[in-house]
PDB file of N, CA and C in Angstrom:
ATOM      1  N   UNK A   1     -35.416 -20.860 -73.595  1.00  0.00           N
ATOM      2  CA  UNK A   1     -35.154 -22.410 -72.764  1.00  0.00           C
ATOM      3  C   UNK A   1     -34.049 -22.392 -72.450  1.00  0.00           C
ATOM      4  N   UNK A   2     -33.346 -21.429 -71.815  1.00  0.00           N
ATOM      5  CA  UNK A   2     -32.248 -21.703 -70.742  1.00  0.00           C
ATOM      6  C   UNK A   2     -32.637 -21.364 -69.272  1.00  0.00           C
ATOM      7  N   UNK A   3     -33.975 -21.276 -69.316  1.00  0.00           N
ATOM      8  CA  UNK A   3     -34.622 -21.338 -67.589  1.00  0.00           C
ATOM      9  C   UNK A   3     -35.427 -22.965 -67.405  1.00  0.00           C
ATOM     10  N   UNK A   4     -35.444 -23.555 -68.819  1.00  0.00           N
ATOM     11  CA  UNK A   4     -36.227 -25.007 -68.689  1.00  0.00           C
ATOM     12  C   UNK A   4     -35.226 -25.789 -67.646  1.00  0.00           C
ATOM     13  N   UNK A   5     -36.337 -26.547 -67.015  1.00  0.00           N
ATOM     14  CA  UNK A   5     -35.570 -27.564 -66.490  1.00  0.00           C
ATOM     15  C   UNK A   5     -36.079 -28.909 -66.514  1.00  0.00           C
ATOM     16  N   UNK A   6     -35.259 -30.212 -66.336  1.00  0.00           N
ATOM     17  CA  UNK A   6     -35.492 -31.249 -66.860  1.00  0.00           C
ATOM     18  C   UNK A   6     -36.701 -32.021 -66.367  1.00  0.00           C
ATOM     19  N   UNK A   7     -37.426 -32.581 -66.898  1.00  0.00           N
ATOM     20  CA  UNK A   7     -38.524 -33.593 -66.866  1.00  0.00           C
ATOM     21  C   UNK A   7     -38.769 -33.725 -65.316  1.00  0.00           C
ATOM     22  N   UNK A   8     -37.668 -34.379 -65.098  1.00  0.00           N
ATOM     23  CA  UNK A   8     -36.946 -35.235 -63.774  1.00  0.00           C
ATOM     24  C   UNK A   8     -37.860 -34.316 -62.585  1.00  0.00           C
ATOM     25  N   UNK A   9     -37.018 -33.266 -62.739  1.00  0.00           N
ATOM     26  CA  UNK A   9     -37.347 -32.075 -61.918  1.00  0.00           C
ATOM     27  C   UNK A   9     -38.402 -31.655 -61.330  1.00  0.00           C
ATOM     28  N   UNK A  10     -39.724 -31.111 -62.363  1.00  0.00           N
ATOM     29  CA  UNK A  10     -40.804 -30.467 -62.044  1.00  0.00           C
ATOM     30  C   UNK A  10     -41.987 -31.364 -62.090  1.00  0.00           C
ATOM     31  N   UNK A  11     -41.390 -32.561 -62.591  1.00  0.00           N
ATOM     32  CA  UNK A  11     -43.193 -33.374 -62.923  1.00  0.00           C
ATOM     33  C   UNK A  11     -43.556 -34.121 -61.493  1.00  0.00           C
ATOM     34  N   UNK A  12     -44.685 -34.327 -60.998  1.00  0.00           N
ATOM     35  CA  UNK A  12     -44.800 -34.983 -59.920  1.00  0.00           C
ATOM     36  C   UNK A  12     -44.727 -36.955 -60.194  1.00  0.00           C
ATOM     37  N   UNK A  13     -44.140 -37.434 -58.791  1.00  0.00           N
ATOM     38  CA  UNK A  13     -43.481 -38.897 -58.934  1.00  0.00           C
ATOM     39  C   UNK A  13     -45.004 -39.811 -59.576  1.00  0.00           C
ATOM     40  N   UNK A  14     -45.736 -39.223 -59.574  1.00  0.00           N
ATOM     41  CA  UNK A  14     -46.916 -40.355 -60.360  1.00  0.00           C
ATOM     42  C   UNK A  14     -47.013 -40.633 -61.863  1.00  0.00           C
ATOM     43  N   UNK A  15     -45.960 -39.008 -62.205  1.00  0.00           N
ATOM     44  CA  UNK A  15     -45.855 -39.004 -63.649  1.00  0.00           C
ATOM     45  C   UNK A  15     -44.569 -39.368 -64.003  1.00  0.00           C
ATOM     46  N   UNK A  16     -43.733 -38.938 -63.286  1.00  0.00           N
ATOM     47  CA  UNK A  16     -42.383 -39.697 -63.683  1.00  0.00           C
ATOM     48  C   UNK A  16     -42.237 -41.375 -63.658  1.00  0.00           C
ATOM     49  N   UNK A  17     -43.230 -42.062 -62.701  1.00  0.00           N
ATOM     50  CA  UNK A  17     -43.060 -43.429 -62.606  1.00  0.00           C
ATOM     51  C   UNK A  17     -43.617 -44.009 -64.355  1.00  0.00           C
ATOM     52  N   UNK A  18     -44.222 -43.138 -65.214  1.00  0.00           N
ATOM     53  CA  UNK A  18     -44.987 -43.647 -66.307  1.00  0.00           C
ATOM     54  C   UNK A  18     -44.193 -43.409 -67.364  1.00  0.00           C
ATOM     55  N   UNK A  19     -42.916 -42.697 -67.214  1.00  0.00           N
ATOM     56  CA  UNK A  19     -42.202 -42.073 -68.481  1.00  0.00           C
ATOM     57  C   UNK A  19     -41.320 -43.429 -68.600  1.00  0.00           C
ATOM     58  N   UNK A  20     -41.292 -43.613 -69.973  1.00  0.00           N
ATOM     59  CA  UNK A  20     -40.300 -44.866 -70.430  1.00  0.00           C
ATOM     60  C   UNK A  20     -40.739 -45.915 -69.523  1.00  0.00           C
ATOM     61  N   UNK A  21     -41.971 -46.583 -69.613  1.00  0.00           N
ATOM     62  CA  UNK A  21     -42.415 -47.642 -69.259  1.00  0.00           C
ATOM     63  C   UNK A  21     -42.383 -48.507 -70.264  1.00  0.00           C
ATOM     64  N   UNK A  22     -43.074 -48.176 -71.204  1.00  0.00           N
ATOM     65  CA  UNK A  22     -43.150 -49.094 -72.529  1.00  0.00           C
ATOM     66  C   UNK A  22     -42.336 -48.761 -74.041  1.00  0.00           C
ATOM     67  N   UNK A  23     -42.073 -49.644 -73.906  1.00  0.00           N
ATOM     68  CA  UNK A  23     -41.058 -49.145 -75.339  1.00  0.00           C
ATOM     69  C   UNK A  23     -41.861 -49.500 -76.871  1.00  0.00           C
ATOM     70  N   UNK A  24     -41.427 -49.454 -77.811  1.00  0.00           N
ATOM     71  CA  UNK A  24     -42.128 -50.045 -79.204  1.00  0.00           C
ATOM     72  C   UNK A  24     -42.110 -51.351 -79.450  1.00  0.00           C
ATOM     73  N   UNK A  25     -43.378 -51.720 -79.543  1.00  0.00           N
ATOM     74  CA  UNK A  25     -43.747 -53.686 -79.864  1.00  0.00           C
ATOM     75  C   UNK A  25     -42.980 -53.671 -80.803  1.00  0.00           C
ATOM     76  N   UNK A  26     -42.287 -55.019 -80.435  1.00  0.00           N
ATOM     77  CA  UNK A  26     -41.453 -55.596 -81.587  1.00  0.00           C
ATOM     78  C   UNK A  26     -42.033 -56.456 -82.437  1.00  0.00           C
ATOM     79  N   UNK A  27     -43.178 -56.873 -82.325  1.00  0.00           N
ATOM     80  CA  UNK A  27     -44.258 -57.281 -83.427  1.00  0.00           C
ATOM     81  C   UNK A  27     -45.671 -57.146 -83.149  1.00  0.00           C
ATOM     82  N   UNK A  28     -46.698 -55.993 -83.680  1.00  0.00           N
ATOM     83  CA  UNK A  28     -47.542 -55.577 -83.361  1.00  0.00           C
ATOM     84  C   UNK A  28     -48.762 -56.692 -83.177  1.00  0.00           C
ATOM     85  N   UNK A  29     -49.805 -56.879 -82.147  1.00  0.00           N
ATOM     86  CA  UNK A  29     -50.406 -57.711 -82.108  1.00  0.00           C
ATOM     87  C   UNK A  29     -51.756 -57.138 -82.622  1.00  0.00           C
ATOM     88  N   UNK A  30     -51.973 -55.792 -83.020  1.00  0.00           N
ATOM     89  CA  UNK A  30     -53.084 -55.256 -83.168  1.00  0.00           C
ATOM     90  C   UNK A  30     -52.806 -54.567 -84.530  1.00  0.00           C
ATOM     91  N   UNK A  31     -54.455 -54.199 -85.371  1.00  0.00           N
ATOM     92  CA  UNK A  31     -53.997 -53.523 -86.751  1.00  0.00           C
ATOM     93  C   UNK A  31     -54.759 -52.341 -86.207  1.00  0.00           C
ATOM     94  N   UNK A  32     -54.319 -51.241 -86.794  1.00  0.00           N
ATOM     95  CA  UNK A  32     -55.343 -49.832 -86.507  1.00  0.00           C
ATOM     96  C   UNK A  32     -55.993 -49.840 -87.400  1.00  0.00           C
ATOM     97  N   UNK A  33     -57.470 -49.617 -87.009  1.00  0.00           N
ATOM     98  CA  UNK A  33     -58.533 -49.591 -88.296  1.00  0.00           C
ATOM     99  C   UNK A  33     -59.274 -48.347 -88.223  1.00  0.00           C
ATOM    100  N   UNK A  34     -59.845 -48.017 -88.586  1.00  0.00           N
ATOM    101  CA  UNK A  34     -61.587 -47.509 -88.528  1.00  0.00           C
ATOM    102  C   UNK A  34     -62.625 -48.528 -88.676  1.00  0.00           C
ATOM    103  N   UNK A  35     -63.164 -48.082 -87.889  1.00  0.00           N
ATOM    104  CA  UNK A  35     -64.956 -48.799 -88.142  1.00  0.00           C
ATOM    105  C   UNK A  35     -65.949 -48.056 -87.356  1.00  0.00           C
ATOM    106  N   UNK A  36     -66.783 -48.295 -88.203  1.00  0.00           N
ATOM    107  CA  UNK A  36     -68.180 -47.495 -87.312  1.00  0.00           C
ATOM    108  C   UNK A  36     -69.180 -48.180 -86.918  1.00  0.00           C
ATOM    109  N   UNK A  37     -69.615 -47.609 -85.180  1.00  0.00           N
ATOM    110  CA  UNK A  37     -70.113 -48.839 -84.412  1.00  0.00           C
ATOM    111  C   UNK A  37     -71.420 -47.558 -83.994  1.00  0.00           C
ATOM    112  N   UNK A  38     -72.268 -48.301 -83.903  1.00  0.00           N
ATOM    113  CA  UNK A  38     -73.641 -47.525 -83.011  1.00  0.00           C
ATOM    114  C   UNK A  38     -73.313 -46.874 -81.894  1.00  0.00           C
ATOM    115  N   UNK A  39     -73.717 -45.715 -81.518  1.00  0.00           N
ATOM    116  CA  UNK A  39     -73.317 -44.970 -80.412  1.00  0.00           C
ATOM    117  C   UNK A  39     -73.633 -45.748 -79.425  1.00  0.00           C
ATOM    118  N   UNK A  40     -74.773 -46.522 -79.380  1.00  0.00           N
ATOM    119  CA  UNK A  40     -75.351 -47.125 -77.830  1.00  0.00           C
ATOM    120  C   UNK A  40     -74.032 -48.041 -77.463  1.00  0.00           C
ATOM    121  N   UNK A  41     -73.447 -48.485 -78.862  1.00  0.00           N
ATOM    122  CA  UNK A  41     -72.794 -49.253 -78.354  1.00  0.00           C
ATOM    123  C   UNK A  41     -71.580 -48.982 -77.705  1.00  0.00           C
ATOM    124  N   UNK A  42     -70.928 -48.061 -78.575  1.00  0.00           N
ATOM    125  CA  UNK A  42     -70.027 -47.097 -78.004  1.00  0.00           C
ATOM    126  C   UNK A  42     -69.825 -46.446 -76.707  1.00  0.00           C
ATOM    127  N   UNK A  43     -71.170 -45.870 -75.964  1.00  0.00           N
ATOM    128  CA  UNK A  43     -71.049 -45.558 -74.933  1.00  0.00           C
ATOM    129  C   UNK A  43     -71.207 -46.447 -73.889  1.00  0.00           C
ATOM    130  N   UNK A  44     -72.007 -47.265 -74.478  1.00  0.00           N
ATOM    131  CA  UNK A  44     -72.234 -48.509 -73.133  1.00  0.00           C
ATOM    132  C   UNK A  44     -70.779 -49.183 -73.232  1.00  0.00           C
ATOM    133  N   UNK A  45     -69.724 -49.047 -73.939  1.00  0.00           N
ATOM    134  CA  UNK A  45     -68.505 -50.167 -73.664  1.00  0.00           C
ATOM    135  C   UNK A  45     -67.290 -48.784 -73.070  1.00  0.00           C
ATOM    136  N   UNK A  46     -67.607 -47.730 -73.733  1.00  0.00           N
ATOM    137  CA  UNK A  46     -66.719 -46.203 -72.981  1.00  0.00           C
ATOM    138  C   UNK A  46     -67.230 -46.272 -71.511  1.00  0.00           C
ATOM    139  N   UNK A  47     -68.534 -46.258 -70.990  1.00  0.00           N
ATOM    140  CA  UNK A  47     -68.815 -46.516 -69.817  1.00  0.00           C
ATOM    141  C   UNK A  47     -68.398 -47.159 -68.600  1.00  0.00           C
ATOM    142  N   UNK A  48     -67.662 -48.549 -69.343  1.00  0.00           N
ATOM    143  CA  UNK A  48     -66.956 -49.513 -69.051  1.00  0.00           C
ATOM    144  C   UNK A  48     -65.744 -49.308 -68.341  1.00  0.00           C
ATOM    145  N   UNK A  49     -65.290 -48.379 -68.290  1.00  0.00           N
ATOM    146  CA  UNK A  49     -63.935 -47.573 -68.051  1.00  0.00           C
ATOM    147  C   UNK A  49     -62.697 -48.036 -68.938  1.00  0.00           C
ATOM    148  N   UNK A  50     -61.324 -47.705 -68.675  1.00  0.00           N
ATOM    149  CA  UNK A  50     -60.632 -47.655 -69.642  1.00  0.00           C
ATOM    150  C   UNK A  50     -60.274 -49.173 -69.643  1.00  0.00           C
ATOM    151  N   UNK A  51     -59.858 -49.309 -71.321  1.00  0.00           N
ATOM    152  CA  UNK A  51     -59.874 -50.723 -71.526  1.00  0.00           C
ATOM    153  C   UNK A  51     -60.846 -51.239 -72.505  1.00  0.00           C
ATOM    154  N   UNK A  52     -61.853 -50.223 -72.623  1.00  0.00           N
ATOM    155  CA  UNK A  52     -63.185 -50.497 -73.227  1.00  0.00           C
ATOM    156  C   UNK A  52     -62.465 -51.179 -74.889  1.00  0.00           C
ATOM    157  N   UNK A  53     -61.618 -50.255 -75.181  1.00  0.00           N
ATOM    158  CA  UNK A  53     -61.547 -51.178 -76.730  1.00  0.00           C
ATOM    159  C   UNK A  53     -61.152 -52.383 -76.810  1.00  0.00           C
ATOM    160  N   UNK A  54     -60.482 -52.915 -75.882  1.00  0.00           N
ATOM    161  CA  UNK A  54     -59.873 -54.552 -75.477  1.00  0.00           C
ATOM    162  C   UNK A  54     -61.096 -55.110 -74.867  1.00  0.00           C
ATOM    163  N   UNK A  55     -61.910 -54.842 -74.709  1.00  0.00           N
ATOM    164  CA  UNK A  55     -63.173 -55.292 -74.459  1.00  0.00           C
ATOM    165  C   UNK A  55     -64.082 -55.674 -75.486  1.00  0.00           C
ATOM    166  N   UNK A  56     -63.890 -54.690 -76.119  1.00  0.00           N
ATOM    167  CA  UNK A  56     -64.592 -54.913 -77.818  1.00  0.00           C
ATOM    168  C   UNK A  56     -64.098 -55.663 -78.309  1.00  0.00           C
ATOM    169  N   UNK A  57     -62.635 -55.650 -78.320  1.00  0.00           N
ATOM    170  CA  UNK A  57     -61.979 -56.686 -79.396  1.00  0.00           C
ATOM    171  C   UNK A  57     -62.543 -58.387 -78.585  1.00  0.00           C
ATOM    172  N   UNK A  58     -62.491 -58.231 -77.282  1.00  0.00           N
ATOM    173  CA  UNK A  58     -62.875 -59.598 -76.566  1.00  0.00           C
ATOM    174  C   UNK A  58     -63.984 -59.878 -77.267  1.00  0.00           C
ATOM    175  N   UNK A  59     -65.136 -59.132 -77.194  1.00  0.00           N
ATOM    176  CA  UNK A  59     -66.712 -59.591 -77.308  1.00  0.00           C
ATOM    177  C   UNK A  59     -66.441 -60.202 -79.146  1.00  0.00           C
ATOM    178  N   UNK A  60     -65.925 -59.013 -79.683  1.00  0.00           N
ATOM    179  CA  UNK A  60     -65.864 -59.741 -81.047  1.00  0.00           C
ATOM    180  C   UNK A  60     -65.225 -60.914 -81.550  1.00  0.00           C
ATOM    181  N   UNK A  61     -64.189 -61.465 -80.517  1.00  0.00           N
ATOM    182  CA  UNK A  61     -63.392 -62.492 -80.712  1.00  0.00           C
ATOM    183  C   UNK A  61     -64.508 -64.046 -80.150  1.00  0.00           C
ATOM    184  N   UNK A  62     -64.990 -63.141 -78.974  1.00  0.00           N
ATOM    185  CA  UNK A  62     -66.054 -64.391 -78.583  1.00  0.00           C
ATOM    186  C   UNK A  62     -67.187 -64.681 -79.532  1.00  0.00           C
ATOM    187  N   UNK A  63     -67.614 -63.359 -80.456  1.00  0.00           N
ATOM    188  CA  UNK A  63     -68.970 -63.747 -81.352  1.00  0.00           C
ATOM    189  C   UNK A  63     -68.073 -64.764 -82.403  1.00  0.00           C
ATOM    190  N   UNK A  64     -67.154 -64.522 -82.667  1.00  0.00           N
ATOM    191  CA  UNK A  64     -66.598 -65.452 -83.765  1.00  0.00           C
ATOM    192  C   UNK A  64     -66.166 -66.893 -83.758  1.00  0.00           C
ATOM    193  N   UNK A  65     -66.307 -67.058 -82.334  1.00  0.00           N
ATOM    194  CA  UNK A  65     -66.478 -68.340 -81.909  1.00  0.00           C
ATOM    195  C   UNK A  65     -67.217 -69.504 -82.433  1.00  0.00           C
ATOM    196  N   UNK A  66     -68.694 -68.744 -82.365  1.00  0.00           N
ATOM    197  CA  UNK A  66     -69.821 -69.430 -82.782  1.00  0.00           C
ATOM    198  C   UNK A  66     -70.186 -69.119 -84.490  1.00  0.00           C
ATOM    199  N   UNK A  67     -69.616 -67.803 -84.597  1.00  0.00           N
ATOM    200  CA  UNK A  67     -70.464 -67.123 -85.991  1.00  0.00           C
ATOM    201  C   UNK A  67     -69.198 -66.894 -87.143  1.00  0.00           C
ATOM    202  N   UNK A  68     -70.071 -67.183 -88.300  1.00  0.00           N
ATOM    203  CA  UNK A  68     -68.900 -67.206 -89.196  1.00  0.00           C
ATOM    204  C   UNK A  68     -69.408 -65.363 -89.895  1.00  0.00           C
ATOM    205  N   UNK A  69     -68.363 -64.604 -90.237  1.00  0.00           N
ATOM    206  CA  UNK A  69     -68.545 -63.103 -90.359  1.00  0.00           C
ATOM    207  C   UNK A  69     -69.028 -62.989 -91.742  1.00  0.00           C
ATOM    208  N   UNK A  70     -68.879 -63.922 -92.191  1.00  0.00           N
ATOM    209  CA  UNK A  70     -69.965 -63.821 -93.967  1.00  0.00           C
ATOM    210  C   UNK A  70     -71.421 -63.643 -93.758  1.00  0.00           C
TER     211      UNK A  70
END
């Protein structure tokens, strides 16, 4: 371990920029859950790229504007 170097010395600049960017949330805005969705739905959202879970949330919010979950 004496040969270890600080991360700032060995990581590329692109990764160093990401370190320490975000701290803990003061008030969480989302709740972690487990949900089972059809494979087709998950694949289509994942194909849309990074942030797909946020887009699923947005789609469900939009649906709730005109429908009752019951």
